[in-house]
């Protein structure tokens, strides 16, 4: 039985995804990943491409991330401070000023839609806005 990885070097020569080395490659892979994740019924090959691109993007971002691992509230507070924003500036991402306030005061978690909107607004990976302790027990 022949394996599809019989010649990985040949696969790479023909344009197979490879390790990301710069922000331009990151942008191209991220765009490809977004296009694939928009598909309603991805094929098994498309699902594998999503998995591979996600791993490559995450690896690059972890190695080049300007923001250290932090809880989502700290990340949003950091972004507000760095970009001289107010809570009102985030109403489009949260839906209301009270939702922004409740989140920043730790009274409310982000919804998936809010995570998506924050990711788009700040051009950052969505996982920065998702608590790392979900499902974990201390």
Protein backbone atom coordinates (compact mmCIF):
# COMPACT_ATOMS: atom_id res chain seq x y z
CA UNK A 1 0.00 0.00 0.00
CA UNK A 2 1.43 3.37 -1.04
CA UNK A 3 1.33 6.23 1.43
CA UNK A 4 0.41 9.78 0.28
CA UNK A 5 3.57 11.01 2.02
CA UNK A 6 5.88 8.87 -0.09
CA UNK A 7 7.83 12.00 -1.06
CA UNK A 8 7.18 14.98 1.26
CA UNK A 9 9.83 17.10 -0.49
CA UNK A 10 7.98 16.66 -3.77
CA UNK A 11 4.71 17.63 -2.07
CA UNK A 12 6.30 20.85 -0.80
CA UNK A 13 7.71 21.62 -4.25
CA UNK A 14 4.13 21.43 -5.55
CA UNK A 15 2.87 23.96 -3.01
CA UNK A 16 1.91 21.90 0.03
CA UNK A 17 1.68 24.01 3.20
CA UNK A 18 4.98 24.57 4.93
CA UNK A 19 6.25 26.19 8.11
CA UNK A 20 5.37 29.90 8.30
CA UNK A 21 8.43 32.17 8.40
CA UNK A 22 7.03 35.72 8.15
CA UNK A 23 3.92 37.86 8.54
CA UNK A 24 3.11 37.76 4.81
CA UNK A 25 2.96 33.97 4.89
CA UNK A 26 0.92 34.17 8.10
CA UNK A 27 -1.58 36.48 6.40
CA UNK A 28 -1.91 34.17 3.38
CA UNK A 29 -2.38 31.05 5.53
CA UNK A 30 -4.84 32.83 7.83
CA UNK A 31 -6.91 33.95 4.84
CA UNK A 32 -6.88 30.41 3.44
CA UNK A 33 -7.93 29.09 6.85
CA UNK A 34 -10.82 31.57 7.08
CA UNK A 35 -12.01 30.58 3.60
CA UNK A 36 -11.92 26.89 4.52
CA UNK A 37 -13.74 27.41 7.83
CA UNK A 38 -16.55 29.23 6.01
CA UNK A 39 -17.44 26.06 4.10
CA UNK A 40 -20.71 24.51 5.23
CA UNK A 41 -19.79 20.91 4.44
CA UNK A 42 -16.01 20.63 4.11
CA UNK A 43 -14.62 17.44 2.62
CA UNK A 44 -12.26 15.25 4.60
CA UNK A 45 -9.32 16.76 2.68
CA UNK A 46 -10.55 20.26 3.52
CA UNK A 47 -10.90 19.28 7.20
CA UNK A 48 -7.31 18.01 7.16
CA UNK A 49 -6.19 21.28 5.53
CA UNK A 50 -8.00 23.22 8.27
CA UNK A 51 -6.23 21.18 10.93
CA UNK A 52 -2.81 21.57 9.32
CA UNK A 53 -3.17 25.31 8.68
CA UNK A 54 -4.41 25.83 12.24
CA UNK A 55 -1.32 24.08 13.62
CA UNK A 56 1.01 26.12 11.40
CA UNK A 57 -0.68 29.44 12.26
CA UNK A 58 -0.77 28.66 15.99
CA UNK A 59 2.92 27.69 15.98
CA UNK A 60 3.94 30.92 14.26
CA UNK A 61 1.73 33.06 16.49
CA UNK A 62 3.02 31.42 19.67
CA UNK A 63 6.59 32.09 18.62
CA UNK A 64 5.93 35.68 17.48
CA UNK A 65 3.05 36.81 19.70
CA UNK A 66 3.52 40.32 21.11
CA UNK A 67 1.00 39.54 23.85
CA UNK A 68 1.93 37.07 26.58
CA UNK A 69 -0.59 34.42 27.57
CA UNK A 70 -3.22 36.11 29.71
CA UNK A 71 -6.86 35.90 30.63
CA UNK A 72 -9.29 37.51 28.13
CA UNK A 73 -10.11 40.46 30.41
CA UNK A 74 -6.40 41.32 30.70
CA UNK A 75 -5.98 41.00 26.93
CA UNK A 76 -8.89 43.35 26.23
CA UNK A 77 -7.72 45.83 28.89
CA UNK A 78 -4.23 45.77 27.35
CA UNK A 79 -5.65 46.43 23.87
CA UNK A 80 -7.87 49.26 25.16
CA UNK A 81 -4.85 50.88 26.81
CA UNK A 82 -2.46 50.36 23.88
CA UNK A 83 -4.92 51.76 21.35
CA UNK A 84 -6.25 54.57 23.55
CA UNK A 85 -9.80 53.23 23.36
CA UNK A 86 -12.76 53.66 25.67
CA UNK A 87 -15.36 51.08 26.62
CA UNK A 88 -17.76 52.82 24.22
CA UNK A 89 -15.37 52.04 21.34
CA UNK A 90 -16.06 48.34 21.91
CA UNK A 91 -19.86 48.54 21.76
CA UNK A 92 -19.89 47.14 18.17
CA UNK A 93 -18.05 44.04 19.40
CA UNK A 94 -20.09 43.57 22.59
CA UNK A 95 -23.54 44.86 21.66
CA UNK A 96 -23.88 47.37 24.50
CA UNK A 97 -21.79 49.44 26.87
CA UNK A 98 -23.14 47.46 29.83
CA UNK A 99 -21.93 44.21 28.21
CA UNK A 100 -18.44 45.73 27.84
CA UNK A 101 -18.48 46.87 31.47
CA UNK A 102 -19.74 43.54 32.80
CA UNK A 103 -17.02 41.67 30.88
CA UNK A 104 -14.24 44.01 32.05
CA UNK A 105 -15.45 43.66 35.65
CA UNK A 106 -15.35 39.85 35.41
CA UNK A 107 -19.13 39.50 35.70
CA UNK A 108 -19.65 38.02 32.26
CA UNK A 109 -17.78 35.78 29.83
CA UNK A 110 -17.51 36.49 26.12
CA UNK A 111 -19.90 34.87 23.69
CA UNK A 112 -18.53 33.15 20.61
CA UNK A 113 -19.79 36.04 18.49
CA UNK A 114 -18.01 38.58 20.71
CA UNK A 115 -14.80 36.53 20.46
CA UNK A 116 -15.14 36.52 16.67
CA UNK A 117 -15.76 40.28 16.53
CA UNK A 118 -12.84 41.07 18.83
CA UNK A 119 -10.58 38.81 16.79
CA UNK A 120 -11.57 40.64 13.60
CA UNK A 121 -11.34 44.13 15.12
CA UNK A 122 -7.89 43.63 16.61
CA UNK A 123 -6.64 41.22 13.91
CA UNK A 124 -5.61 38.73 16.57
CA UNK A 125 -6.25 35.00 16.98
CA UNK A 126 -9.59 34.23 18.60
CA UNK A 127 -7.95 32.02 21.21
CA UNK A 128 -6.54 35.13 22.92
CA UNK A 129 -10.10 35.97 23.93
CA UNK A 130 -10.99 32.48 25.21
CA UNK A 131 -10.12 31.54 28.81
CA UNK A 132 -7.40 28.90 28.97
CA UNK A 133 -9.01 27.22 31.99
CA UNK A 134 -12.25 26.13 30.33
CA UNK A 135 -12.97 22.64 31.55
CA UNK A 136 -9.92 22.61 33.81
CA UNK A 137 -10.25 21.85 37.50
CA UNK A 138 -7.92 23.16 40.14
